[in-house]
Amino acid sequence: MQAELFHDPEDDRPYYNSAAPLVPETDNLDAVRRAAVGCQACHLWRLGTQTVFGEGPRNARIMFVGEQPGDKEDLAGKPFVGPAGQVFDSALAEAGIDREDVYVTNAVKHFKWVPKGGRRLHAKPNRKEQIACRPWLEAEVDLIRPRVLVLLGATAAQSVLGADFRLTQHRGMFVESNLAECVIATLHPSAVLRQIDEESRKEAFDGLVSDLRLVAGQLQERRRYMA
């Protein structure tokens, strides 16, 4: 579907349309990824360098969902490869989870940012932008069918579980959802980087690792049950 069906190309105001008409009816994840490349369902494509789709094995038992790509991810076209991605990799390693075995994506596929001092600073995607992009995430979940869905940060959690979800109240707790057998929300790795001092960063990182160990433990328990 062409962008003209969504908006007037001469109108530069924000607009919000569901990406659902763009998602192909297929069980081929690569076909869905290719379709997402040209997504212009909402205005965020004007800000992002490119669509940043999820990556990981089709048979991944764990899917991680972040908020949106950051500056480095936008340029590379890959999720979680910037500073937060480095924290993410370290936390996975501490928890005994191999990144090569998991699928990683974001609730919003384009980088939303504001200029400041020659830099592109992250701007939180609003609810309309999250809803517009949700069909891509739903397609990923449907095709990967993870056993555990891990939501990184409040925006990702609210995008998936609803605007009333509170990370401060339910972080590190498995919640009911029809998206996967187990769904849990925890800190976004970028929250570790935003802490004001080394002690606070260590505390936040340790908390993230603790939650990821719950995820690893859930899979181990299931393997013992199935044995």
N, C-alpha and C. Protein backbone atom coordinates (compact mmCIF):
# COMPACT_ATOMS: atom_id res chain seq x y z
N MET A 1 0.84 -1.19 0.00
CA MET A 1 0.00 0.00 0.00
C MET A 1 0.87 1.24 0.00
N GLN A 2 0.54 2.21 -0.79
CA GLN A 2 1.34 3.41 -0.92
C GLN A 2 1.03 4.42 0.17
N ALA A 3 2.02 5.25 0.47
CA ALA A 3 1.86 6.23 1.54
C ALA A 3 0.73 7.19 1.25
N GLU A 4 0.45 7.46 -0.06
CA GLU A 4 -0.59 8.43 -0.41
C GLU A 4 -1.96 8.03 0.11
N LEU A 5 -2.15 6.75 0.36
CA LEU A 5 -3.42 6.30 0.89
C LEU A 5 -3.57 6.66 2.36
N PHE A 6 -2.47 7.02 3.00
CA PHE A 6 -2.49 7.35 4.41
C PHE A 6 -2.54 8.86 4.67
N HIS A 7 -1.91 9.65 3.83
CA HIS A 7 -1.80 11.06 4.13
C HIS A 7 -1.50 11.85 2.86
N ASP A 8 -1.72 13.15 2.95
CA ASP A 8 -1.35 14.07 1.89
C ASP A 8 0.14 14.35 2.01
N PRO A 9 0.96 14.00 1.00
CA PRO A 9 2.41 14.18 1.13
C PRO A 9 2.83 15.64 1.27
N GLU A 10 1.95 16.57 0.94
CA GLU A 10 2.29 17.98 1.08
C GLU A 10 1.89 18.53 2.45
N ASP A 11 1.24 17.72 3.26
CA ASP A 11 0.82 18.12 4.59
C ASP A 11 1.82 17.56 5.60
N ASP A 12 2.58 18.44 6.26
CA ASP A 12 3.63 17.97 7.16
C ASP A 12 3.18 17.87 8.61
N ARG A 13 1.88 17.95 8.86
CA ARG A 13 1.40 17.80 10.22
C ARG A 13 1.46 16.33 10.65
N PRO A 14 1.55 16.09 11.98
CA PRO A 14 1.51 14.70 12.46
C PRO A 14 0.22 14.01 12.03
N TYR A 15 0.31 12.74 11.72
CA TYR A 15 -0.88 11.96 11.41
C TYR A 15 -0.69 10.55 11.95
N TYR A 16 -1.81 9.89 12.22
CA TYR A 16 -1.78 8.58 12.86
C TYR A 16 -2.78 7.65 12.17
N ASN A 17 -2.27 6.60 11.55
CA ASN A 17 -3.11 5.58 10.96
C ASN A 17 -2.55 4.22 11.35
N SER A 18 -3.39 3.23 11.43
CA SER A 18 -2.93 1.90 11.77
C SER A 18 -2.10 1.31 10.64
N ALA A 19 -1.04 0.60 11.01
CA ALA A 19 -0.21 -0.09 10.03
C ALA A 19 -0.86 -1.40 9.57
N ALA A 20 -2.01 -1.75 10.12
CA ALA A 20 -2.63 -3.05 9.83
C ALA A 20 -2.77 -3.34 8.34
N PRO A 21 -3.20 -2.37 7.50
CA PRO A 21 -3.32 -2.69 6.08
C PRO A 21 -2.01 -3.04 5.40
N LEU A 22 -0.90 -2.69 6.00
CA LEU A 22 0.40 -2.96 5.40
C LEU A 22 0.96 -4.33 5.77
N VAL A 23 0.43 -4.94 6.82
CA VAL A 23 0.97 -6.22 7.30
C VAL A 23 0.46 -7.35 6.41
N PRO A 24 1.36 -8.05 5.72
CA PRO A 24 0.90 -9.12 4.82
C PRO A 24 0.38 -10.33 5.59
N GLU A 25 -0.56 -11.03 5.00
CA GLU A 25 -1.08 -12.26 5.60
C GLU A 25 -0.17 -13.40 5.17
N THR A 26 0.80 -13.70 6.01
CA THR A 26 1.80 -14.70 5.68
C THR A 26 2.40 -15.26 6.95
N ASP A 27 2.98 -16.46 6.85
CA ASP A 27 3.71 -17.01 7.98
C ASP A 27 5.21 -16.85 7.77
N ASN A 28 5.59 -15.98 6.83
CA ASN A 28 6.98 -15.72 6.51
C ASN A 28 7.42 -14.44 7.20
N LEU A 29 8.26 -14.56 8.23
CA LEU A 29 8.68 -13.39 8.99
C LEU A 29 9.48 -12.42 8.12
N ASP A 30 10.28 -12.93 7.21
CA ASP A 30 11.06 -12.06 6.34
C ASP A 30 10.16 -11.22 5.45
N ALA A 31 9.03 -11.79 5.04
CA ALA A 31 8.08 -11.04 4.21
C ALA A 31 7.47 -9.89 5.01
N VAL A 32 7.18 -10.15 6.27
CA VAL A 32 6.64 -9.09 7.14
C VAL A 32 7.70 -8.01 7.34
N ARG A 33 8.94 -8.43 7.55
CA ARG A 33 10.04 -7.48 7.73
C ARG A 33 10.19 -6.59 6.49
N ARG A 34 10.13 -7.20 5.32
CA ARG A 34 10.27 -6.41 4.08
C ARG A 34 9.12 -5.43 3.93
N ALA A 35 7.92 -5.83 4.31
CA ALA A 35 6.77 -4.93 4.22
C ALA A 35 6.92 -3.75 5.16
N ALA A 36 7.52 -3.99 6.33
CA ALA A 36 7.67 -2.92 7.32
C ALA A 36 8.66 -1.85 6.86
N VAL A 37 9.56 -2.21 5.97
CA VAL A 37 10.58 -1.25 5.50
C VAL A 37 9.94 0.01 4.94
N GLY A 38 8.83 -0.14 4.23
CA GLY A 38 8.20 1.02 3.60
C GLY A 38 7.07 1.62 4.40
N CYS A 39 6.96 1.27 5.68
CA CYS A 39 5.81 1.75 6.46
C CYS A 39 5.83 3.26 6.63
N GLN A 40 4.71 3.89 6.26
CA GLN A 40 4.49 5.31 6.48
C GLN A 40 3.11 5.54 7.10
N ALA A 41 2.69 4.56 7.89
CA ALA A 41 1.34 4.61 8.46
C ALA A 41 1.15 5.79 9.40
N CYS A 42 2.21 6.18 10.10
CA CYS A 42 2.15 7.39 10.91
C CYS A 42 3.33 8.27 10.53
N HIS A 43 3.36 9.46 11.07
CA HIS A 43 4.34 10.47 10.64
C HIS A 43 5.76 10.22 11.11
N LEU A 44 5.99 9.23 11.98
CA LEU A 44 7.33 9.02 12.52
C LEU A 44 8.34 8.59 11.47
N TRP A 45 7.89 8.07 10.33
CA TRP A 45 8.82 7.68 9.28
C TRP A 45 9.62 8.88 8.77
N ARG A 46 9.05 10.09 8.94
CA ARG A 46 9.77 11.29 8.51
C ARG A 46 10.98 11.57 9.38
N LEU A 47 10.92 11.15 10.64
CA LEU A 47 12.02 11.40 11.57
C LEU A 47 13.08 10.31 11.51
N GLY A 48 12.65 9.08 11.39
CA GLY A 48 13.58 7.97 11.41
C GLY A 48 14.34 7.82 10.10
N THR A 49 15.57 7.35 10.20
CA THR A 49 16.35 7.05 9.01
C THR A 49 15.78 5.86 8.27
N GLN A 50 15.27 4.90 9.04
CA GLN A 50 14.74 3.67 8.46
C GLN A 50 13.89 2.95 9.49
N THR A 51 13.08 2.02 9.03
CA THR A 51 12.36 1.14 9.93
C THR A 51 13.36 0.21 10.62
N VAL A 52 13.22 0.07 11.93
CA VAL A 52 14.07 -0.87 12.67
C VAL A 52 13.18 -2.01 13.15
N PHE A 53 13.21 -3.10 12.42
CA PHE A 53 12.38 -4.27 12.72
C PHE A 53 13.12 -5.16 13.71
N GLY A 54 12.42 -6.14 14.25
CA GLY A 54 13.01 -7.04 15.21
C GLY A 54 14.00 -8.00 14.59
N GLU A 55 14.84 -8.59 15.44
CA GLU A 55 15.85 -9.56 14.99
C GLU A 55 15.93 -10.71 15.99
N GLY A 56 16.25 -11.87 15.46
CA GLY A 56 16.43 -13.04 16.30
C GLY A 56 15.89 -14.28 15.60
N PRO A 57 16.11 -15.45 16.18
CA PRO A 57 15.66 -16.69 15.56
C PRO A 57 14.14 -16.83 15.57
N ARG A 58 13.63 -17.45 14.54
CA ARG A 58 12.18 -17.65 14.41
C ARG A 58 11.65 -18.54 15.54
N ASN A 59 12.48 -19.41 16.05
CA ASN A 59 12.05 -20.33 17.12
C ASN A 59 12.43 -19.84 18.51
N ALA A 60 12.68 -18.55 18.66
CA ALA A 60 13.08 -18.01 19.96
C ALA A 60 12.01 -18.27 21.01
N ARG A 61 12.43 -18.70 22.19
CA ARG A 61 11.49 -18.94 23.28
C ARG A 61 11.22 -17.67 24.08
N ILE A 62 12.13 -16.69 23.94
CA ILE A 62 11.97 -15.42 24.65
C ILE A 62 11.94 -14.28 23.64
N MET A 63 10.98 -13.40 23.77
CA MET A 63 10.94 -12.18 22.97
C MET A 63 11.02 -10.99 23.90
N PHE A 64 11.93 -10.08 23.59
CA PHE A 64 12.07 -8.83 24.34
C PHE A 64 11.50 -7.69 23.50
N VAL A 65 10.71 -6.84 24.15
CA VAL A 65 10.11 -5.69 23.47
C VAL A 65 10.53 -4.43 24.20
N GLY A 66 11.24 -3.55 23.49
CA GLY A 66 11.59 -2.25 24.03
C GLY A 66 10.63 -1.18 23.57
N GLU A 67 10.99 0.06 23.79
CA GLU A 67 10.11 1.17 23.44
C GLU A 67 10.20 1.52 21.97
N GLN A 68 11.39 1.96 21.54
CA GLN A 68 11.63 2.37 20.16
C GLN A 68 13.14 2.32 19.92
N PRO A 69 13.57 2.33 18.65
CA PRO A 69 15.01 2.39 18.41
C PRO A 69 15.58 3.73 18.87
N GLY A 70 16.83 3.71 19.29
CA GLY A 70 17.52 4.94 19.63
C GLY A 70 18.33 5.45 18.46
N ASP A 71 19.17 6.42 18.73
CA ASP A 71 19.96 7.04 17.67
C ASP A 71 20.84 6.02 16.95
N LYS A 72 21.58 5.21 17.69
CA LYS A 72 22.47 4.23 17.09
C LYS A 72 21.69 3.16 16.34
N GLU A 73 20.59 2.73 16.92
CA GLU A 73 19.76 1.71 16.27
C GLU A 73 19.16 2.23 14.97
N ASP A 74 18.75 3.49 14.99
CA ASP A 74 18.17 4.11 13.80
C ASP A 74 19.17 4.13 12.65
N LEU A 75 20.41 4.42 12.96
CA LEU A 75 21.45 4.49 11.93
C LEU A 75 21.87 3.10 11.45
N ALA A 76 21.90 2.15 12.39
CA ALA A 76 22.35 0.80 12.05
C ALA A 76 21.23 -0.06 11.47
N GLY A 77 19.97 0.28 11.78
CA GLY A 77 18.85 -0.53 11.33
C GLY A 77 18.69 -1.81 12.12
N LYS A 78 19.26 -1.85 13.33
CA LYS A 78 19.19 -3.03 14.18
C LYS A 78 18.79 -2.63 15.59
N PRO A 79 17.99 -3.45 16.28
CA PRO A 79 17.56 -3.11 17.64
C PRO A 79 18.63 -3.37 18.69
N PHE A 80 18.70 -2.51 19.68
CA PHE A 80 19.55 -2.69 20.86
C PHE A 80 21.03 -2.90 20.50
N VAL A 81 21.58 -1.95 19.76
CA VAL A 81 23.01 -1.99 19.43
C VAL A 81 23.75 -0.76 19.96
N GLY A 82 23.03 0.17 20.60
CA GLY A 82 23.64 1.36 21.16
C GLY A 82 24.05 1.15 22.61
N PRO A 83 24.23 2.23 23.37
CA PRO A 83 24.62 2.12 24.77
C PRO A 83 23.66 1.27 25.60
N ALA A 84 22.36 1.45 25.40
CA ALA A 84 21.39 0.62 26.14
C ALA A 84 21.51 -0.83 25.72
N GLY A 85 21.85 -1.06 24.46
CA GLY A 85 22.04 -2.42 23.99
C GLY A 85 23.22 -3.10 24.66
N GLN A 86 24.26 -2.33 24.96
CA GLN A 86 25.41 -2.89 25.67
C GLN A 86 25.03 -3.30 27.10
N VAL A 87 24.21 -2.46 27.74
CA VAL A 87 23.71 -2.82 29.07
C VAL A 87 22.84 -4.07 28.98
N PHE A 88 22.01 -4.11 27.97
CA PHE A 88 21.13 -5.25 27.74
C PHE A 88 21.93 -6.54 27.58
N ASP A 89 22.97 -6.50 26.75
CA ASP A 89 23.80 -7.68 26.55
C ASP A 89 24.46 -8.14 27.84
N SER A 90 24.95 -7.18 28.63
CA SER A 90 25.60 -7.52 29.91
C SER A 90 24.60 -8.15 30.87
N ALA A 91 23.37 -7.60 30.92
CA ALA A 91 22.35 -8.14 31.81
C ALA A 91 21.94 -9.55 31.39
N LEU A 92 21.81 -9.77 30.09
CA LEU A 92 21.49 -11.12 29.60
C LEU A 92 22.57 -12.11 30.02
N ALA A 93 23.83 -11.72 29.84
CA ALA A 93 24.93 -12.60 30.19
C ALA A 93 24.93 -12.93 31.68
N GLU A 94 24.67 -11.92 32.50
CA GLU A 94 24.63 -12.13 33.95
C GLU A 94 23.50 -13.08 34.34
N ALA A 95 22.41 -13.02 33.58
CA ALA A 95 21.25 -13.86 33.89
C ALA A 95 21.33 -15.24 33.25
N GLY A 96 22.37 -15.47 32.45
CA GLY A 96 22.53 -16.77 31.82
C GLY A 96 21.68 -16.96 30.59
N ILE A 97 21.37 -15.86 29.89
CA ILE A 97 20.57 -15.92 28.67
C ILE A 97 21.45 -15.52 27.50
N ASP A 98 21.48 -16.34 26.46
CA ASP A 98 22.28 -16.06 25.27
C ASP A 98 21.48 -15.18 24.33
N ARG A 99 22.02 -14.01 23.99
CA ARG A 99 21.28 -13.11 23.10
C ARG A 99 20.99 -13.76 21.75
N GLU A 100 21.85 -14.64 21.31
CA GLU A 100 21.64 -15.30 20.02
C GLU A 100 20.39 -16.17 20.04
N ASP A 101 19.87 -16.47 21.21
CA ASP A 101 18.71 -17.36 21.34
C ASP A 101 17.40 -16.59 21.50
N VAL A 102 17.45 -15.27 21.56
CA VAL A 102 16.24 -14.49 21.83
C VAL A 102 15.89 -13.60 20.65
N TYR A 103 14.64 -13.20 20.60
CA TYR A 103 14.17 -12.27 19.58
C TYR A 103 13.99 -10.91 20.26
N VAL A 104 14.52 -9.87 19.62
CA VAL A 104 14.51 -8.53 20.20
C VAL A 104 13.84 -7.56 19.24
N THR A 105 12.91 -6.78 19.74
CA THR A 105 12.21 -5.82 18.90
C THR A 105 11.77 -4.62 19.74
N ASN A 106 11.00 -3.73 19.12
CA ASN A 106 10.48 -2.55 19.81
C ASN A 106 9.00 -2.37 19.51
N ALA A 107 8.32 -1.70 20.42
CA ALA A 107 6.89 -1.43 20.22
C ALA A 107 6.67 -0.46 19.07
N VAL A 108 7.58 0.48 18.90
CA VAL A 108 7.53 1.46 17.81
C VAL A 108 8.78 1.26 16.97
N LYS A 109 8.62 1.23 15.65
CA LYS A 109 9.71 0.84 14.76
C LYS A 109 10.52 2.00 14.19
N HIS A 110 10.10 3.23 14.41
CA HIS A 110 10.88 4.39 13.96
C HIS A 110 11.36 5.21 15.16
N PHE A 111 12.48 5.86 15.00
CA PHE A 111 13.10 6.66 16.04
C PHE A 111 12.43 8.04 16.11
N LYS A 112 11.82 8.32 17.24
CA LYS A 112 11.24 9.64 17.48
C LYS A 112 12.24 10.47 18.28
N TRP A 113 12.55 11.66 17.79
CA TRP A 113 13.59 12.45 18.44
C TRP A 113 13.32 13.94 18.25
N VAL A 114 14.04 14.72 19.06
CA VAL A 114 14.00 16.18 18.94
C VAL A 114 15.45 16.66 18.85
N PRO A 115 15.71 17.70 18.07
CA PRO A 115 17.08 18.20 17.94
C PRO A 115 17.47 19.06 19.14
N LYS A 116 18.72 18.90 19.56
CA LYS A 116 19.24 19.74 20.62
C LYS A 116 20.76 19.76 20.54
N GLY A 117 21.30 20.93 20.29
CA GLY A 117 22.75 21.09 20.26
C GLY A 117 23.43 20.20 19.24
N GLY A 118 22.80 20.00 18.10
CA GLY A 118 23.39 19.15 17.07
C GLY A 118 23.21 17.67 17.29
N ARG A 119 22.47 17.31 18.34
CA ARG A 119 22.23 15.90 18.64
C ARG A 119 20.76 15.57 18.44
N ARG A 120 20.49 14.28 18.28
CA ARG A 120 19.12 13.79 18.18
C ARG A 120 18.76 13.16 19.52
N LEU A 121 17.91 13.83 20.28
CA LEU A 121 17.55 13.34 21.61
C LEU A 121 16.23 12.56 21.55
N HIS A 122 16.21 11.45 22.24
CA HIS A 122 15.03 10.60 22.33
C HIS A 122 13.80 11.38 22.76
N ALA A 123 12.68 11.11 22.12
CA ALA A 123 11.38 11.65 22.54
C ALA A 123 10.41 10.48 22.66
N LYS A 124 9.71 10.41 23.75
CA LYS A 124 8.82 9.28 24.00
C LYS A 124 7.68 9.24 22.99
N PRO A 125 7.46 8.10 22.33
CA PRO A 125 6.32 7.97 21.43
C PRO A 125 5.00 8.04 22.20
N ASN A 126 4.06 8.78 21.67
CA ASN A 126 2.78 8.92 22.36
C ASN A 126 1.87 7.73 22.09
N ARG A 127 0.74 7.73 22.75
CA ARG A 127 -0.17 6.57 22.66
C ARG A 127 -0.64 6.33 21.22
N LYS A 128 -0.93 7.39 20.49
CA LYS A 128 -1.40 7.23 19.11
C LYS A 128 -0.32 6.60 18.23
N GLU A 129 0.92 6.99 18.47
CA GLU A 129 2.03 6.41 17.70
C GLU A 129 2.23 4.94 18.05
N GLN A 130 2.07 4.62 19.31
CA GLN A 130 2.19 3.23 19.73
C GLN A 130 1.11 2.37 19.08
N ILE A 131 -0.11 2.88 19.07
CA ILE A 131 -1.23 2.13 18.50
C ILE A 131 -1.07 1.96 16.99
N ALA A 132 -0.59 3.00 16.32
CA ALA A 132 -0.38 2.93 14.88
C ALA A 132 0.59 1.82 14.52
N CYS A 133 1.63 1.65 15.33
CA CYS A 133 2.69 0.68 15.04
C CYS A 133 2.39 -0.71 15.58
N ARG A 134 1.42 -0.84 16.43
CA ARG A 134 1.16 -2.11 17.11
C ARG A 134 0.96 -3.30 16.17
N PRO A 135 0.33 -3.16 14.99
CA PRO A 135 0.16 -4.34 14.12
C PRO A 135 1.47 -5.03 13.74
N TRP A 136 2.55 -4.27 13.64
CA TRP A 136 3.84 -4.92 13.34
C TRP A 136 4.28 -5.79 14.51
N LEU A 137 4.13 -5.29 15.72
CA LEU A 137 4.50 -6.08 16.90
C LEU A 137 3.60 -7.30 17.03
N GLU A 138 2.32 -7.14 16.79
CA GLU A 138 1.40 -8.26 16.87
C GLU A 138 1.78 -9.34 15.86
N ALA A 139 2.21 -8.93 14.67
CA ALA A 139 2.64 -9.90 13.66
C ALA A 139 3.88 -10.65 14.13
N GLU A 140 4.81 -9.94 14.74
CA GLU A 140 6.02 -10.59 15.26
C GLU A 140 5.67 -11.61 16.34
N VAL A 141 4.82 -11.23 17.26
CA VAL A 141 4.42 -12.15 18.34
C VAL A 141 3.71 -13.36 17.75
N ASP A 142 2.83 -13.15 16.78
CA ASP A 142 2.08 -14.26 16.18
C ASP A 142 3.00 -15.25 15.48
N LEU A 143 4.06 -14.73 14.86
CA LEU A 143 4.94 -15.61 14.09
C LEU A 143 6.03 -16.26 14.96
N ILE A 144 6.54 -15.53 15.92
CA ILE A 144 7.57 -16.09 16.81
C ILE A 144 6.94 -17.03 17.83
N ARG A 145 5.79 -16.66 18.33
CA ARG A 145 5.10 -17.43 19.39
C ARG A 145 6.03 -17.73 20.57
N PRO A 146 6.55 -16.68 21.20
CA PRO A 146 7.48 -16.91 22.32
C PRO A 146 6.76 -17.52 23.52
N ARG A 147 7.51 -18.26 24.31
CA ARG A 147 6.95 -18.77 25.56
C ARG A 147 6.95 -17.68 26.63
N VAL A 148 7.96 -16.81 26.56
CA VAL A 148 8.05 -15.71 27.51
C VAL A 148 8.19 -14.40 26.73
N LEU A 149 7.34 -13.44 27.06
CA LEU A 149 7.39 -12.12 26.47
C LEU A 149 7.84 -11.14 27.55
N VAL A 150 8.99 -10.49 27.31
CA VAL A 150 9.57 -9.58 28.29
C VAL A 150 9.43 -8.15 27.78
N LEU A 151 8.76 -7.31 28.54
CA LEU A 151 8.50 -5.92 28.16
C LEU A 151 9.48 -5.02 28.89
N LEU A 152 10.30 -4.31 28.15
CA LEU A 152 11.37 -3.50 28.72
C LEU A 152 10.93 -2.05 28.83
N GLY A 153 10.60 -1.64 30.04
CA GLY A 153 10.23 -0.26 30.28
C GLY A 153 8.73 -0.02 30.25
N ALA A 154 8.33 1.12 30.79
CA ALA A 154 6.91 1.44 30.94
C ALA A 154 6.20 1.61 29.60
N THR A 155 6.86 2.24 28.63
CA THR A 155 6.20 2.46 27.35
C THR A 155 5.88 1.15 26.66
N ALA A 156 6.85 0.24 26.61
CA ALA A 156 6.59 -1.06 25.99
C ALA A 156 5.50 -1.82 26.74
N ALA A 157 5.55 -1.77 28.07
CA ALA A 157 4.56 -2.48 28.87
C ALA A 157 3.16 -1.93 28.63
N GLN A 158 3.03 -0.62 28.61
CA GLN A 158 1.72 -0.02 28.40
C GLN A 158 1.24 -0.20 26.97
N SER A 159 2.17 -0.24 26.02
CA SER A 159 1.80 -0.46 24.64
C SER A 159 1.17 -1.84 24.45
N VAL A 160 1.68 -2.81 25.19
CA VAL A 160 1.21 -4.19 25.06
C VAL A 160 0.07 -4.50 26.02
N LEU A 161 0.19 -4.05 27.27
CA LEU A 161 -0.76 -4.44 28.31
C LEU A 161 -1.82 -3.40 28.62
N GLY A 162 -1.70 -2.22 28.02
CA GLY A 162 -2.71 -1.19 28.24
C GLY A 162 -2.15 -0.01 29.01
N ALA A 163 -2.76 1.14 28.81
CA ALA A 163 -2.27 2.38 29.40
C ALA A 163 -2.35 2.40 30.91
N ASP A 164 -3.17 1.54 31.50
CA ASP A 164 -3.32 1.52 32.97
C ASP A 164 -2.23 0.72 33.67
N PHE A 165 -1.41 0.00 32.90
CA PHE A 165 -0.37 -0.81 33.52
C PHE A 165 0.67 0.09 34.16
N ARG A 166 1.08 -0.25 35.39
CA ARG A 166 2.07 0.53 36.11
C ARG A 166 3.29 -0.34 36.40
N LEU A 167 4.40 0.02 35.77
CA LEU A 167 5.63 -0.74 35.94
C LEU A 167 6.09 -0.72 37.39
N THR A 168 5.90 0.39 38.06
CA THR A 168 6.34 0.50 39.45
C THR A 168 5.62 -0.48 40.36
N GLN A 169 4.40 -0.87 39.98
CA GLN A 169 3.61 -1.79 40.81
C GLN A 169 3.80 -3.25 40.41
N HIS A 170 4.06 -3.50 39.13
CA HIS A 170 4.03 -4.88 38.64
C HIS A 170 5.36 -5.35 38.05
N ARG A 171 6.40 -4.56 38.19
CA ARG A 171 7.70 -4.96 37.66
C ARG A 171 8.15 -6.28 38.28
N GLY A 172 8.70 -7.18 37.44
CA GLY A 172 9.22 -8.44 37.93
C GLY A 172 8.16 -9.45 38.30
N MET A 173 6.91 -9.20 37.89
CA MET A 173 5.81 -10.12 38.19
C MET A 173 5.24 -10.66 36.88
N PHE A 174 5.00 -11.95 36.83
CA PHE A 174 4.37 -12.53 35.64
C PHE A 174 2.89 -12.16 35.65
N VAL A 175 2.42 -11.67 34.51
CA VAL A 175 1.03 -11.23 34.41
C VAL A 175 0.33 -12.04 33.32
N GLU A 176 -0.97 -12.14 33.43
CA GLU A 176 -1.76 -12.90 32.45
C GLU A 176 -1.91 -12.11 31.16
N SER A 177 -1.77 -12.82 30.06
CA SER A 177 -1.95 -12.22 28.74
C SER A 177 -2.15 -13.34 27.73
N ASN A 178 -2.88 -13.04 26.67
CA ASN A 178 -3.07 -14.03 25.62
C ASN A 178 -1.94 -14.00 24.59
N LEU A 179 -0.92 -13.16 24.83
CA LEU A 179 0.17 -13.02 23.88
C LEU A 179 1.23 -14.10 24.03
N ALA A 180 1.39 -14.62 25.24
CA ALA A 180 2.40 -15.65 25.50
C ALA A 180 2.04 -16.37 26.79
N GLU A 181 2.67 -17.53 27.01
CA GLU A 181 2.42 -18.27 28.24
C GLU A 181 2.80 -17.45 29.46
N CYS A 182 3.90 -16.71 29.35
CA CYS A 182 4.38 -15.88 30.46
C CYS A 182 4.72 -14.50 29.93
N VAL A 183 4.24 -13.48 30.61
CA VAL A 183 4.54 -12.10 30.25
C VAL A 183 5.03 -11.38 31.49
N ILE A 184 6.13 -10.67 31.37
CA ILE A 184 6.71 -9.96 32.50
C ILE A 184 7.27 -8.63 32.02
N ALA A 185 7.20 -7.63 32.87
CA ALA A 185 7.74 -6.31 32.55
C ALA A 185 8.88 -5.98 33.51
N THR A 186 9.89 -5.32 33.00
CA THR A 186 11.02 -4.93 33.82
C THR A 186 11.57 -3.60 33.31
N LEU A 187 12.69 -3.17 33.89
CA LEU A 187 13.32 -1.93 33.49
C LEU A 187 13.80 -1.99 32.04
N HIS A 188 13.74 -0.85 31.37
CA HIS A 188 14.44 -0.73 30.10
C HIS A 188 15.92 -0.52 30.42
N PRO A 189 16.83 -1.14 29.68
CA PRO A 189 18.26 -0.95 29.98
C PRO A 189 18.70 0.51 30.01
N SER A 190 18.03 1.36 29.27
CA SER A 190 18.41 2.77 29.28
C SER A 190 18.18 3.40 30.65
N ALA A 191 17.28 2.82 31.45
CA ALA A 191 17.03 3.33 32.79
C ALA A 191 18.26 3.18 33.67
N VAL A 192 19.06 2.17 33.39
CA VAL A 192 20.32 1.99 34.13
C VAL A 192 21.26 3.16 33.82
N LEU A 193 21.32 3.53 32.56
CA LEU A 193 22.22 4.61 32.14
C LEU A 193 21.79 5.97 32.66
N ARG A 194 20.51 6.12 32.94
CA ARG A 194 20.00 7.43 33.39
C ARG A 194 20.21 7.67 34.88
N GLN A 195 20.67 6.68 35.61
CA GLN A 195 20.88 6.86 37.04
C GLN A 195 22.00 7.87 37.30
N ILE A 196 21.91 8.57 38.43
CA ILE A 196 22.77 9.73 38.65
C ILE A 196 24.17 9.39 39.13
N ASP A 197 24.37 8.18 39.68
CA ASP A 197 25.70 7.84 40.17
C ASP A 197 25.92 6.33 40.02
N GLU A 198 27.15 5.92 40.26
CA GLU A 198 27.53 4.52 40.06
C GLU A 198 26.75 3.58 40.96
N GLU A 199 26.52 3.98 42.19
CA GLU A 199 25.77 3.13 43.11
C GLU A 199 24.35 2.90 42.61
N SER A 200 23.72 3.97 42.14
CA SER A 200 22.35 3.85 41.62
C SER A 200 22.33 3.01 40.36
N ARG A 201 23.33 3.18 39.51
CA ARG A 201 23.39 2.38 38.29
C ARG A 201 23.54 0.90 38.61
N LYS A 202 24.38 0.60 39.60
CA LYS A 202 24.56 -0.81 39.98
C LYS A 202 23.27 -1.40 40.54
N GLU A 203 22.56 -0.62 41.33
CA GLU A 203 21.30 -1.10 41.90
C GLU A 203 20.28 -1.38 40.80
N ALA A 204 20.19 -0.46 39.84
CA ALA A 204 19.24 -0.63 38.75
C ALA A 204 19.63 -1.84 37.89
N PHE A 205 20.93 -1.96 37.61
CA PHE A 205 21.40 -3.09 36.80
C PHE A 205 21.13 -4.42 37.50
N ASP A 206 21.41 -4.48 38.78
CA ASP A 206 21.17 -5.71 39.53
C ASP A 206 19.68 -6.06 39.54
N GLY A 207 18.83 -5.05 39.60
CA GLY A 207 17.40 -5.30 39.56
C GLY A 207 16.97 -5.87 38.22
N LEU A 208 17.54 -5.32 37.14
CA LEU A 208 17.25 -5.84 35.80
C LEU A 208 17.70 -7.29 35.68
N VAL A 209 18.89 -7.57 36.13
CA VAL A 209 19.41 -8.94 36.07
C VAL A 209 18.54 -9.89 36.89
N SER A 210 18.10 -9.44 38.04
CA SER A 210 17.24 -10.28 38.89
C SER A 210 15.96 -10.66 38.16
N ASP A 211 15.36 -9.71 37.46
CA ASP A 211 14.14 -10.00 36.71
C ASP A 211 14.42 -10.94 35.55
N LEU A 212 15.56 -10.77 34.89
CA LEU A 212 15.90 -11.65 33.77
C LEU A 212 16.18 -13.06 34.26
N ARG A 213 16.69 -13.19 35.46
CA ARG A 213 16.89 -14.53 36.03
C ARG A 213 15.56 -15.22 36.27
N LEU A 214 14.53 -14.45 36.59
CA LEU A 214 13.19 -15.04 36.70
C LEU A 214 12.75 -15.62 35.37
N VAL A 215 13.07 -14.91 34.31
CA VAL A 215 12.73 -15.38 32.96
C VAL A 215 13.47 -16.67 32.65
N ALA A 216 14.77 -16.67 32.90
CA ALA A 216 15.56 -17.88 32.66
C ALA A 216 15.05 -19.04 33.50
N GLY A 217 14.70 -18.76 34.75
CA GLY A 217 14.17 -19.80 35.63
C GLY A 217 12.85 -20.35 35.14
N GLN A 218 12.02 -19.50 34.57
CA GLN A 218 10.73 -19.94 34.06
C GLN A 218 10.92 -20.95 32.93
N LEU A 219 11.89 -20.71 32.07
CA LEU A 219 12.14 -21.63 30.98
C LEU A 219 12.73 -22.94 31.49
N GLN A 220 13.61 -22.86 32.48
CA GLN A 220 14.19 -24.08 33.05
C GLN A 220 13.12 -24.93 33.72
N GLU A 221 12.19 -24.27 34.41
CA GLU A 221 11.11 -25.01 35.06
C GLU A 221 10.23 -25.71 34.03
N ARG A 222 9.99 -25.03 32.92
CA ARG A 222 9.16 -25.63 31.87
C ARG A 222 9.87 -26.84 31.26
N ARG A 223 11.20 -26.74 31.06
CA ARG A 223 11.94 -27.87 30.49
C ARG A 223 11.87 -29.07 31.42
N ARG A 224 11.98 -28.83 32.72
CA ARG A 224 11.88 -29.96 33.67
C ARG A 224 10.49 -30.58 33.64
N TYR A 225 9.47 -29.72 33.48
CA TYR A 225 8.09 -30.21 33.45
C TYR A 225 7.84 -31.06 32.19
N MET A 226 8.46 -30.63 31.07
CA MET A 226 8.23 -31.32 29.81
C MET A 226 9.09 -32.58 29.68
N ALA A 227 10.12 -32.69 30.54
CA ALA A 227 11.03 -33.85 30.43
C ALA A 227 10.34 -35.16 30.84
